[in-house]
Amino acid sequence: MADQTQPWAEQTVEVPPQRDGFRRGVAPVAPRAPRTERSTESFPVAPHEETGTGWPVVDEEPRQRMPLAYHLRQLRIGGHWSALGGLFAFVCWGIWAISARGDFTSPVVAFLLTLLVAVGLFALARLLGRVVLERQLGRVRRSARGAHLVAGVFLTGVGVAYLRQTEWVVDAWNWVAGL
């Protein structure tokens, strides 16, 4: 008995008639629909549960801003360190400038630049204090003692440098140290 049916793999399939614009191997793509703004109201929102894993803590009441007079009073506290360093640097500068026996223009400019650097150092110390103490450690600064101390130490060092450039002071120091 010879069966005239072919196995399913060898059977051919009838292809429907081709339409206009049809290309074999290219999928038809419908044009995009215009975008509309979506509302997020349809999505449920879970409430925030603080777990202690790094969520920022929200302060119940905002921090009160202090008046300008308070900040100026803060800057004055510890000012004696800068004043003492400045006085020492001024006296040492005077000794150096008088010993040079020349025009005072260059020594005055040098001393003014020294004071300008000291003010910048004071401002830098205040900025570092604000970043480290207030922002990182959460502490409140009540004075400018540290910044004044830094500026005072700098001005004292500058005064010593002026004295080391004065010949008769160095000779006197070597004579006293040699006893």
N, C-alpha and C. Protein backbone atom coordinates (compact mmCIF):
# COMPACT_ATOMS: atom_id res chain seq x y z
N MET A 1 0.82 -1.16 0.00
CA MET A 1 0.00 0.00 0.00
C MET A 1 0.86 1.22 0.00
N ALA A 2 0.74 1.86 -0.94
CA ALA A 2 1.52 3.08 -1.07
C ALA A 2 0.65 4.26 -0.71
N ASP A 3 1.05 4.91 0.35
CA ASP A 3 0.32 6.08 0.83
C ASP A 3 0.83 7.30 0.11
N GLN A 4 -0.05 8.09 -0.45
CA GLN A 4 0.36 9.24 -1.24
C GLN A 4 0.59 10.49 -0.41
N THR A 5 0.46 10.40 0.90
CA THR A 5 0.67 11.59 1.73
C THR A 5 2.16 11.75 2.00
N GLN A 6 2.61 12.98 2.02
CA GLN A 6 4.01 13.28 2.30
C GLN A 6 4.19 13.56 3.78
N PRO A 7 5.40 13.31 4.26
CA PRO A 7 5.60 13.68 5.66
C PRO A 7 5.43 15.19 5.85
N TRP A 8 5.13 15.61 7.05
CA TRP A 8 4.77 17.01 7.32
C TRP A 8 5.92 17.98 7.00
N ALA A 9 7.18 17.53 7.11
CA ALA A 9 8.29 18.43 6.84
C ALA A 9 8.42 18.74 5.38
N GLU A 10 7.87 17.93 4.52
CA GLU A 10 8.04 18.16 3.09
C GLU A 10 6.83 18.80 2.46
N GLN A 11 5.81 19.05 3.22
CA GLN A 11 4.61 19.66 2.68
C GLN A 11 4.82 21.14 2.47
N THR A 12 4.23 21.70 1.47
CA THR A 12 4.31 23.12 1.19
C THR A 12 3.07 23.80 1.73
N VAL A 13 3.26 25.08 2.06
CA VAL A 13 2.15 25.85 2.62
C VAL A 13 1.73 26.87 1.58
N GLU A 14 0.48 27.03 1.48
CA GLU A 14 -0.04 28.01 0.55
C GLU A 14 0.25 29.41 1.09
N VAL A 15 0.82 30.30 0.27
CA VAL A 15 1.14 31.67 0.66
C VAL A 15 0.00 32.56 0.18
N PRO A 16 -0.49 33.41 1.07
CA PRO A 16 -1.56 34.30 0.63
C PRO A 16 -1.03 35.29 -0.40
N PRO A 17 -1.90 35.85 -1.19
CA PRO A 17 -1.44 36.81 -2.19
C PRO A 17 -0.77 38.00 -1.51
N GLN A 18 0.29 38.57 -2.15
CA GLN A 18 1.06 39.65 -1.54
C GLN A 18 0.36 40.98 -1.74
N ARG A 19 0.49 41.80 -0.64
CA ARG A 19 -0.11 43.13 -0.68
C ARG A 19 0.87 44.14 -1.23
N ASP A 20 0.40 45.34 -1.44
CA ASP A 20 1.28 46.42 -1.88
C ASP A 20 2.19 46.81 -0.72
N GLY A 21 3.46 47.06 -0.97
CA GLY A 21 4.41 47.49 0.05
C GLY A 21 4.98 46.35 0.87
N PHE A 22 4.59 45.14 0.57
CA PHE A 22 5.12 44.00 1.33
C PHE A 22 6.49 43.64 0.81
N ARG A 23 7.41 43.47 1.77
CA ARG A 23 8.74 43.01 1.39
C ARG A 23 9.08 41.85 2.28
N ARG A 24 9.58 40.84 1.70
CA ARG A 24 9.90 39.62 2.43
C ARG A 24 11.08 39.88 3.37
N GLY A 25 10.98 39.49 4.66
CA GLY A 25 12.03 39.62 5.66
C GLY A 25 12.02 40.94 6.40
N VAL A 26 11.07 41.81 6.13
CA VAL A 26 10.99 43.11 6.81
C VAL A 26 9.66 43.15 7.56
N ALA A 27 9.75 43.40 8.87
CA ALA A 27 8.54 43.43 9.68
C ALA A 27 7.86 44.78 9.53
N PRO A 28 6.55 44.76 9.47
CA PRO A 28 5.83 46.04 9.40
C PRO A 28 5.82 46.72 10.77
N VAL A 29 6.07 48.05 10.79
CA VAL A 29 6.11 48.83 12.03
C VAL A 29 5.08 49.92 11.94
N ALA A 30 4.23 49.97 12.96
CA ALA A 30 3.20 51.01 12.98
C ALA A 30 3.83 52.33 13.43
N PRO A 31 3.32 53.45 12.96
CA PRO A 31 3.88 54.75 13.39
C PRO A 31 3.63 54.96 14.89
N ARG A 32 4.54 55.73 15.52
CA ARG A 32 4.43 55.98 16.96
C ARG A 32 3.25 56.88 17.27
N ALA A 33 2.64 56.56 18.40
CA ALA A 33 1.55 57.42 18.87
C ALA A 33 2.18 58.62 19.58
N PRO A 34 1.55 59.78 19.53
CA PRO A 34 2.12 60.94 20.23
C PRO A 34 2.19 60.69 21.73
N ARG A 35 3.29 61.22 22.35
CA ARG A 35 3.49 61.02 23.79
C ARG A 35 2.56 61.91 24.58
N THR A 36 2.06 61.37 25.64
CA THR A 36 1.25 62.15 26.57
C THR A 36 1.91 62.09 27.92
N GLU A 37 1.76 63.17 28.67
CA GLU A 37 2.33 63.21 30.01
C GLU A 37 1.57 62.23 30.89
N ARG A 38 2.36 61.43 31.61
CA ARG A 38 1.75 60.45 32.50
C ARG A 38 1.70 61.00 33.92
N SER A 39 0.71 60.71 34.59
CA SER A 39 0.57 61.12 35.98
C SER A 39 1.06 59.98 36.87
N THR A 40 1.74 60.33 37.94
CA THR A 40 2.21 59.30 38.87
C THR A 40 1.18 59.01 39.95
N GLU A 41 0.01 59.65 39.84
CA GLU A 41 -1.01 59.43 40.86
C GLU A 41 -1.54 58.00 40.85
N SER A 42 -1.44 57.34 39.74
CA SER A 42 -1.98 55.99 39.67
C SER A 42 -1.06 54.97 40.34
N PHE A 43 0.20 55.38 40.61
CA PHE A 43 1.13 54.47 41.26
C PHE A 43 1.08 54.66 42.77
N PRO A 44 1.06 53.58 43.51
CA PRO A 44 1.03 53.74 44.98
C PRO A 44 2.40 54.22 45.49
N VAL A 45 2.36 55.05 46.51
CA VAL A 45 3.59 55.59 47.10
C VAL A 45 3.72 55.02 48.49
N ALA A 46 4.88 54.39 48.73
CA ALA A 46 5.12 53.81 50.05
C ALA A 46 5.61 54.90 50.99
N PRO A 47 5.16 54.89 52.24
CA PRO A 47 5.63 55.90 53.19
C PRO A 47 7.09 55.63 53.57
N HIS A 48 7.80 56.71 53.93
CA HIS A 48 9.21 56.60 54.32
C HIS A 48 9.30 56.02 55.73
N GLU A 49 10.07 54.96 55.87
CA GLU A 49 10.32 54.38 57.18
C GLU A 49 11.80 54.50 57.45
N GLU A 50 12.14 55.22 58.51
CA GLU A 50 13.55 55.42 58.83
C GLU A 50 14.11 54.14 59.42
N THR A 51 15.20 53.67 58.82
CA THR A 51 15.80 52.41 59.27
C THR A 51 17.17 52.62 59.90
N GLY A 52 17.67 53.85 59.86
CA GLY A 52 19.00 54.09 60.42
C GLY A 52 20.11 53.69 59.48
N THR A 53 19.82 53.62 58.20
CA THR A 53 20.83 53.19 57.24
C THR A 53 21.36 54.35 56.41
N GLY A 54 21.29 55.55 56.93
CA GLY A 54 21.86 56.67 56.22
C GLY A 54 20.85 57.66 55.69
N TRP A 55 19.58 57.50 56.02
CA TRP A 55 18.61 58.49 55.59
C TRP A 55 18.88 59.78 56.33
N PRO A 56 18.77 60.91 55.67
CA PRO A 56 19.03 62.17 56.36
C PRO A 56 17.98 62.45 57.42
N VAL A 57 18.43 62.97 58.52
CA VAL A 57 17.52 63.29 59.61
C VAL A 57 16.94 64.68 59.35
N VAL A 58 15.65 64.79 59.44
CA VAL A 58 14.99 66.06 59.21
C VAL A 58 14.81 66.73 60.56
N ASP A 59 15.33 67.96 60.67
CA ASP A 59 15.15 68.71 61.91
C ASP A 59 13.70 69.14 62.03
N GLU A 60 13.20 69.05 63.26
CA GLU A 60 11.82 69.44 63.48
C GLU A 60 11.64 70.93 63.28
N GLU A 61 12.59 71.72 63.79
CA GLU A 61 12.50 73.16 63.63
C GLU A 61 13.77 73.66 62.95
N PRO A 62 13.67 74.58 62.03
CA PRO A 62 14.88 75.08 61.35
C PRO A 62 15.77 75.85 62.32
N ARG A 63 17.07 75.83 62.02
CA ARG A 63 18.04 76.50 62.87
C ARG A 63 17.84 78.01 62.79
N GLN A 64 17.84 78.64 63.95
CA GLN A 64 17.63 80.08 64.01
C GLN A 64 18.89 80.81 63.57
N ARG A 65 18.73 81.81 62.71
CA ARG A 65 19.85 82.61 62.25
C ARG A 65 20.16 83.67 63.28
N MET A 66 21.45 83.79 63.59
CA MET A 66 21.88 84.77 64.59
C MET A 66 22.15 86.11 63.90
N PRO A 67 21.99 87.21 64.63
CA PRO A 67 22.24 88.53 64.03
C PRO A 67 23.73 88.76 63.79
N LEU A 68 24.04 89.77 62.99
CA LEU A 68 25.41 90.08 62.63
C LEU A 68 26.25 90.45 63.85
N ALA A 69 25.66 91.13 64.82
CA ALA A 69 26.40 91.53 66.02
C ALA A 69 26.91 90.30 66.78
N TYR A 70 26.15 89.24 66.79
CA TYR A 70 26.59 88.01 67.46
C TYR A 70 27.83 87.45 66.78
N HIS A 71 27.83 87.42 65.45
CA HIS A 71 28.98 86.89 64.71
C HIS A 71 30.21 87.78 64.89
N LEU A 72 30.02 89.09 64.96
CA LEU A 72 31.16 89.98 65.19
C LEU A 72 31.73 89.79 66.59
N ARG A 73 30.87 89.57 67.57
CA ARG A 73 31.35 89.28 68.95
C ARG A 73 32.15 87.98 68.96
N GLN A 74 31.69 87.00 68.18
CA GLN A 74 32.43 85.74 68.09
C GLN A 74 33.82 85.95 67.51
N LEU A 75 33.94 86.80 66.52
CA LEU A 75 35.24 87.05 65.90
C LEU A 75 36.20 87.77 66.84
N ARG A 76 35.67 88.56 67.76
CA ARG A 76 36.55 89.29 68.69
C ARG A 76 37.12 88.39 69.78
N ILE A 77 36.43 87.34 70.13
CA ILE A 77 36.91 86.46 71.21
C ILE A 77 38.17 85.75 70.74
N GLY A 78 39.25 85.94 71.45
CA GLY A 78 40.54 85.35 71.07
C GLY A 78 41.39 86.29 70.25
N GLY A 79 40.91 87.51 70.03
CA GLY A 79 41.65 88.47 69.22
C GLY A 79 42.96 88.91 69.83
N HIS A 80 43.15 88.69 71.13
CA HIS A 80 44.41 89.09 71.76
C HIS A 80 45.59 88.29 71.21
N TRP A 81 45.33 87.06 70.74
CA TRP A 81 46.43 86.28 70.16
C TRP A 81 46.92 86.92 68.86
N SER A 82 46.00 87.34 68.03
CA SER A 82 46.39 88.02 66.79
C SER A 82 47.03 89.37 67.09
N ALA A 83 46.50 90.08 68.08
CA ALA A 83 47.05 91.39 68.42
C ALA A 83 48.48 91.27 68.95
N LEU A 84 48.72 90.29 69.81
CA LEU A 84 50.08 90.10 70.32
C LEU A 84 51.05 89.70 69.21
N GLY A 85 50.63 88.79 68.35
CA GLY A 85 51.48 88.40 67.23
C GLY A 85 51.72 89.55 66.29
N GLY A 86 50.69 90.36 66.03
CA GLY A 86 50.84 91.53 65.16
C GLY A 86 51.75 92.58 65.77
N LEU A 87 51.61 92.80 67.08
CA LEU A 87 52.49 93.76 67.76
C LEU A 87 53.94 93.31 67.72
N PHE A 88 54.19 92.03 67.98
CA PHE A 88 55.54 91.49 67.93
C PHE A 88 56.12 91.61 66.52
N ALA A 89 55.31 91.27 65.50
CA ALA A 89 55.77 91.38 64.12
C ALA A 89 56.05 92.84 63.75
N PHE A 90 55.22 93.76 64.24
CA PHE A 90 55.43 95.17 63.94
C PHE A 90 56.72 95.69 64.56
N VAL A 91 56.98 95.35 65.83
CA VAL A 91 58.22 95.79 66.49
C VAL A 91 59.44 95.20 65.78
N CYS A 92 59.38 93.92 65.47
CA CYS A 92 60.51 93.29 64.78
C CYS A 92 60.70 93.87 63.38
N TRP A 93 59.58 94.15 62.69
CA TRP A 93 59.67 94.78 61.39
C TRP A 93 60.29 96.17 61.51
N GLY A 94 59.90 96.91 62.54
CA GLY A 94 60.48 98.25 62.74
C GLY A 94 61.98 98.19 62.96
N ILE A 95 62.42 97.25 63.77
CA ILE A 95 63.87 97.08 64.00
C ILE A 95 64.57 96.76 62.69
N TRP A 96 64.00 95.86 61.91
CA TRP A 96 64.60 95.47 60.63
C TRP A 96 64.61 96.63 59.64
N ALA A 97 63.49 97.38 59.57
CA ALA A 97 63.38 98.47 58.60
C ALA A 97 64.33 99.62 58.95
N ILE A 98 64.45 99.95 60.24
CA ILE A 98 65.36 101.03 60.65
C ILE A 98 66.80 100.61 60.43
N SER A 99 67.12 99.35 60.67
CA SER A 99 68.50 98.87 60.48
C SER A 99 68.91 98.86 59.01
N ALA A 100 67.94 98.78 58.11
CA ALA A 100 68.26 98.74 56.68
C ALA A 100 68.77 100.09 56.18
N ARG A 101 68.41 101.20 56.85
CA ARG A 101 68.89 102.56 56.52
C ARG A 101 68.70 102.89 55.05
N GLY A 102 67.50 102.77 54.61
CA GLY A 102 67.23 103.09 53.21
C GLY A 102 65.81 103.61 53.07
N ASP A 103 65.30 103.49 51.88
CA ASP A 103 63.94 103.91 51.60
C ASP A 103 62.96 102.96 52.30
N PHE A 104 61.88 103.53 52.86
CA PHE A 104 60.92 102.72 53.62
C PHE A 104 59.82 102.12 52.74
N THR A 105 59.83 102.39 51.44
CA THR A 105 58.75 101.91 50.58
C THR A 105 58.71 100.39 50.52
N SER A 106 59.83 99.77 50.27
CA SER A 106 59.85 98.30 50.18
C SER A 106 59.53 97.63 51.50
N PRO A 107 60.08 98.08 52.65
CA PRO A 107 59.69 97.45 53.91
C PRO A 107 58.21 97.62 54.25
N VAL A 108 57.64 98.78 53.91
CA VAL A 108 56.21 98.99 54.20
C VAL A 108 55.37 98.04 53.36
N VAL A 109 55.71 97.90 52.08
CA VAL A 109 54.96 96.98 51.21
C VAL A 109 55.11 95.55 51.71
N ALA A 110 56.32 95.19 52.16
CA ALA A 110 56.54 93.84 52.68
C ALA A 110 55.69 93.59 53.93
N PHE A 111 55.61 94.58 54.81
CA PHE A 111 54.82 94.40 56.03
C PHE A 111 53.33 94.35 55.72
N LEU A 112 52.86 95.16 54.78
CA LEU A 112 51.45 95.12 54.40
C LEU A 112 51.08 93.77 53.76
N LEU A 113 51.98 93.24 52.95
CA LEU A 113 51.74 91.91 52.38
C LEU A 113 51.72 90.84 53.46
N THR A 114 52.58 90.99 54.46
CA THR A 114 52.59 90.05 55.58
C THR A 114 51.26 90.09 56.32
N LEU A 115 50.74 91.29 56.56
CA LEU A 115 49.44 91.41 57.23
C LEU A 115 48.32 90.84 56.38
N LEU A 116 48.41 91.04 55.08
CA LEU A 116 47.40 90.50 54.18
C LEU A 116 47.41 88.97 54.20
N VAL A 117 48.60 88.37 54.23
CA VAL A 117 48.71 86.91 54.33
C VAL A 117 48.16 86.43 55.66
N ALA A 118 48.41 87.18 56.74
CA ALA A 118 47.88 86.79 58.05
C ALA A 118 46.35 86.83 58.06
N VAL A 119 45.76 87.82 57.42
CA VAL A 119 44.29 87.89 57.33
C VAL A 119 43.76 86.71 56.52
N GLY A 120 44.43 86.38 55.43
CA GLY A 120 44.02 85.21 54.64
C GLY A 120 44.14 83.91 55.41
N LEU A 121 45.20 83.79 56.21
CA LEU A 121 45.38 82.60 57.04
C LEU A 121 44.29 82.51 58.10
N PHE A 122 43.93 83.65 58.68
CA PHE A 122 42.83 83.69 59.65
C PHE A 122 41.53 83.23 58.99
N ALA A 123 41.25 83.75 57.79
CA ALA A 123 40.02 83.36 57.08
C ALA A 123 40.02 81.87 56.73
N LEU A 124 41.18 81.35 56.34
CA LEU A 124 41.28 79.93 56.02
C LEU A 124 41.05 79.07 57.26
N ALA A 125 41.59 79.49 58.39
CA ALA A 125 41.38 78.74 59.64
C ALA A 125 39.91 78.77 60.04
N ARG A 126 39.24 79.92 59.84
CA ARG A 126 37.81 80.00 60.15
C ARG A 126 37.00 79.08 59.23
N LEU A 127 37.37 79.06 57.95
CA LEU A 127 36.66 78.21 56.99
C LEU A 127 36.84 76.73 57.34
N LEU A 128 38.06 76.34 57.65
CA LEU A 128 38.30 74.94 58.04
C LEU A 128 37.54 74.59 59.31
N GLY A 129 37.50 75.52 60.26
CA GLY A 129 36.72 75.29 61.48
C GLY A 129 35.25 75.11 61.18
N ARG A 130 34.75 75.90 60.26
CA ARG A 130 33.33 75.77 59.92
C ARG A 130 33.04 74.43 59.26
N VAL A 131 33.91 74.02 58.34
CA VAL A 131 33.67 72.77 57.63
C VAL A 131 33.82 71.58 58.57
N VAL A 132 34.91 71.56 59.35
CA VAL A 132 35.19 70.40 60.19
C VAL A 132 34.30 70.38 61.43
N LEU A 133 34.32 71.47 62.19
CA LEU A 133 33.59 71.45 63.46
C LEU A 133 32.08 71.53 63.29
N GLU A 134 31.62 72.49 62.50
CA GLU A 134 30.18 72.68 62.40
C GLU A 134 29.50 71.69 61.47
N ARG A 135 30.06 71.50 60.28
CA ARG A 135 29.40 70.64 59.31
C ARG A 135 29.62 69.16 59.58
N GLN A 136 30.87 68.76 59.80
CA GLN A 136 31.18 67.34 59.94
C GLN A 136 30.88 66.82 61.34
N LEU A 137 31.30 67.56 62.36
CA LEU A 137 31.13 67.08 63.74
C LEU A 137 29.86 67.58 64.41
N GLY A 138 29.20 68.55 63.80
CA GLY A 138 27.95 69.05 64.35
C GLY A 138 28.11 69.89 65.61
N ARG A 139 29.30 70.42 65.85
CA ARG A 139 29.53 71.24 67.05
C ARG A 139 29.27 72.71 66.73
N VAL A 140 29.04 73.48 67.78
CA VAL A 140 28.82 74.91 67.64
C VAL A 140 30.09 75.62 68.06
N ARG A 141 30.59 76.51 67.20
CA ARG A 141 31.76 77.31 67.56
C ARG A 141 31.29 78.55 68.28
N ARG A 142 31.89 78.84 69.42
CA ARG A 142 31.49 79.99 70.20
C ARG A 142 32.52 81.11 70.18
N SER A 143 33.64 80.89 69.51
CA SER A 143 34.68 81.92 69.44
C SER A 143 35.56 81.69 68.22
N ALA A 144 36.53 82.60 68.06
CA ALA A 144 37.49 82.48 66.97
C ALA A 144 38.89 82.30 67.55
N ARG A 145 38.98 81.70 68.72
CA ARG A 145 40.28 81.55 69.39
C ARG A 145 41.29 80.79 68.54
N GLY A 146 40.87 79.69 67.96
CA GLY A 146 41.79 78.87 67.16
C GLY A 146 42.34 79.62 65.96
N ALA A 147 41.47 80.33 65.25
CA ALA A 147 41.93 81.08 64.07
C ALA A 147 42.84 82.23 64.48
N HIS A 148 42.52 82.90 65.60
CA HIS A 148 43.39 83.96 66.09
C HIS A 148 44.74 83.40 66.54
N LEU A 149 44.73 82.24 67.14
CA LEU A 149 45.99 81.61 67.57
C LEU A 149 46.86 81.26 66.36
N VAL A 150 46.25 80.74 65.31
CA VAL A 150 47.00 80.41 64.10
C VAL A 150 47.61 81.68 63.50
N ALA A 151 46.82 82.75 63.40
CA ALA A 151 47.33 84.01 62.85
C ALA A 151 48.42 84.59 63.74
N GLY A 152 48.25 84.50 65.07
CA GLY A 152 49.25 85.02 66.00
C GLY A 152 50.57 84.27 65.90
N VAL A 153 50.50 82.96 65.80
CA VAL A 153 51.73 82.16 65.65
C VAL A 153 52.42 82.51 64.34
N PHE A 154 51.65 82.70 63.26
CA PHE A 154 52.24 83.09 61.98
C PHE A 154 52.94 84.44 62.10
N LEU A 155 52.29 85.42 62.72
CA LEU A 155 52.88 86.75 62.84
C LEU A 155 54.11 86.73 63.74
N THR A 156 54.10 85.89 64.77
CA THR A 156 55.29 85.76 65.62
C THR A 156 56.44 85.17 64.82
N GLY A 157 56.16 84.17 64.01
CA GLY A 157 57.19 83.59 63.15
C GLY A 157 57.74 84.60 62.16
N VAL A 158 56.87 85.45 61.63
CA VAL A 158 57.33 86.50 60.71
C VAL A 158 58.22 87.49 61.45
N GLY A 159 57.87 87.83 62.69
CA GLY A 159 58.70 88.74 63.48
C GLY A 159 60.08 88.16 63.73
N VAL A 160 60.14 86.87 64.04
CA VAL A 160 61.43 86.22 64.24
C VAL A 160 62.23 86.23 62.93
N ALA A 161 61.55 86.03 61.81
CA ALA A 161 62.24 86.07 60.52
C ALA A 161 62.80 87.46 60.24
N TYR A 162 62.07 88.52 60.61
CA TYR A 162 62.60 89.87 60.45
C TYR A 162 63.83 90.08 61.33
N LEU A 163 63.79 89.58 62.54
CA LEU A 163 64.95 89.74 63.44
C LEU A 163 66.16 88.97 62.93
N ARG A 164 65.94 87.82 62.33
CA ARG A 164 67.07 87.03 61.82
C ARG A 164 67.74 87.68 60.62
N GLN A 165 67.06 88.65 59.99
CA GLN A 165 67.64 89.38 58.87
C GLN A 165 68.37 90.65 59.31
N THR A 166 68.31 90.95 60.61
CA THR A 166 68.98 92.14 61.14
C THR A 166 70.33 91.73 61.68
N GLU A 167 71.38 92.32 61.13
CA GLU A 167 72.75 91.88 61.44
C GLU A 167 73.12 92.07 62.90
N TRP A 168 72.83 93.23 63.49
CA TRP A 168 73.27 93.48 64.86
C TRP A 168 72.48 92.64 65.86
N VAL A 169 71.23 92.26 65.52
CA VAL A 169 70.45 91.39 66.42
C VAL A 169 71.04 89.99 66.39
N VAL A 170 71.44 89.52 65.21
CA VAL A 170 72.06 88.20 65.09
C VAL A 170 73.39 88.17 65.82
N ASP A 171 74.19 89.25 65.71
CA ASP A 171 75.46 89.33 66.43
C ASP A 171 75.24 89.32 67.94
N ALA A 172 74.23 90.06 68.40
CA ALA A 172 73.94 90.09 69.83
C ALA A 172 73.46 88.72 70.32
N TRP A 173 72.67 88.05 69.51
CA TRP A 173 72.19 86.72 69.89
C TRP A 173 73.35 85.73 69.97
N ASN A 174 74.23 85.78 69.01
CA ASN A 174 75.39 84.87 69.02
C ASN A 174 76.30 85.18 70.21
N TRP A 175 76.44 86.45 70.59
CA TRP A 175 77.27 86.82 71.74
C TRP A 175 76.66 86.29 73.03
N VAL A 176 75.29 86.43 73.17
CA VAL A 176 74.60 85.95 74.38
C VAL A 176 74.63 84.41 74.41
N ALA A 177 74.44 83.78 73.29
CA ALA A 177 74.42 82.31 73.23
C ALA A 177 75.82 81.74 73.43
N GLY A 178 76.86 82.54 73.14
CA GLY A 178 78.23 82.05 73.28
C GLY A 178 78.75 82.13 74.70
N LEU A 179 78.03 82.80 75.60
CA LEU A 179 78.52 82.92 76.99
C LEU A 179 78.46 81.62 77.67
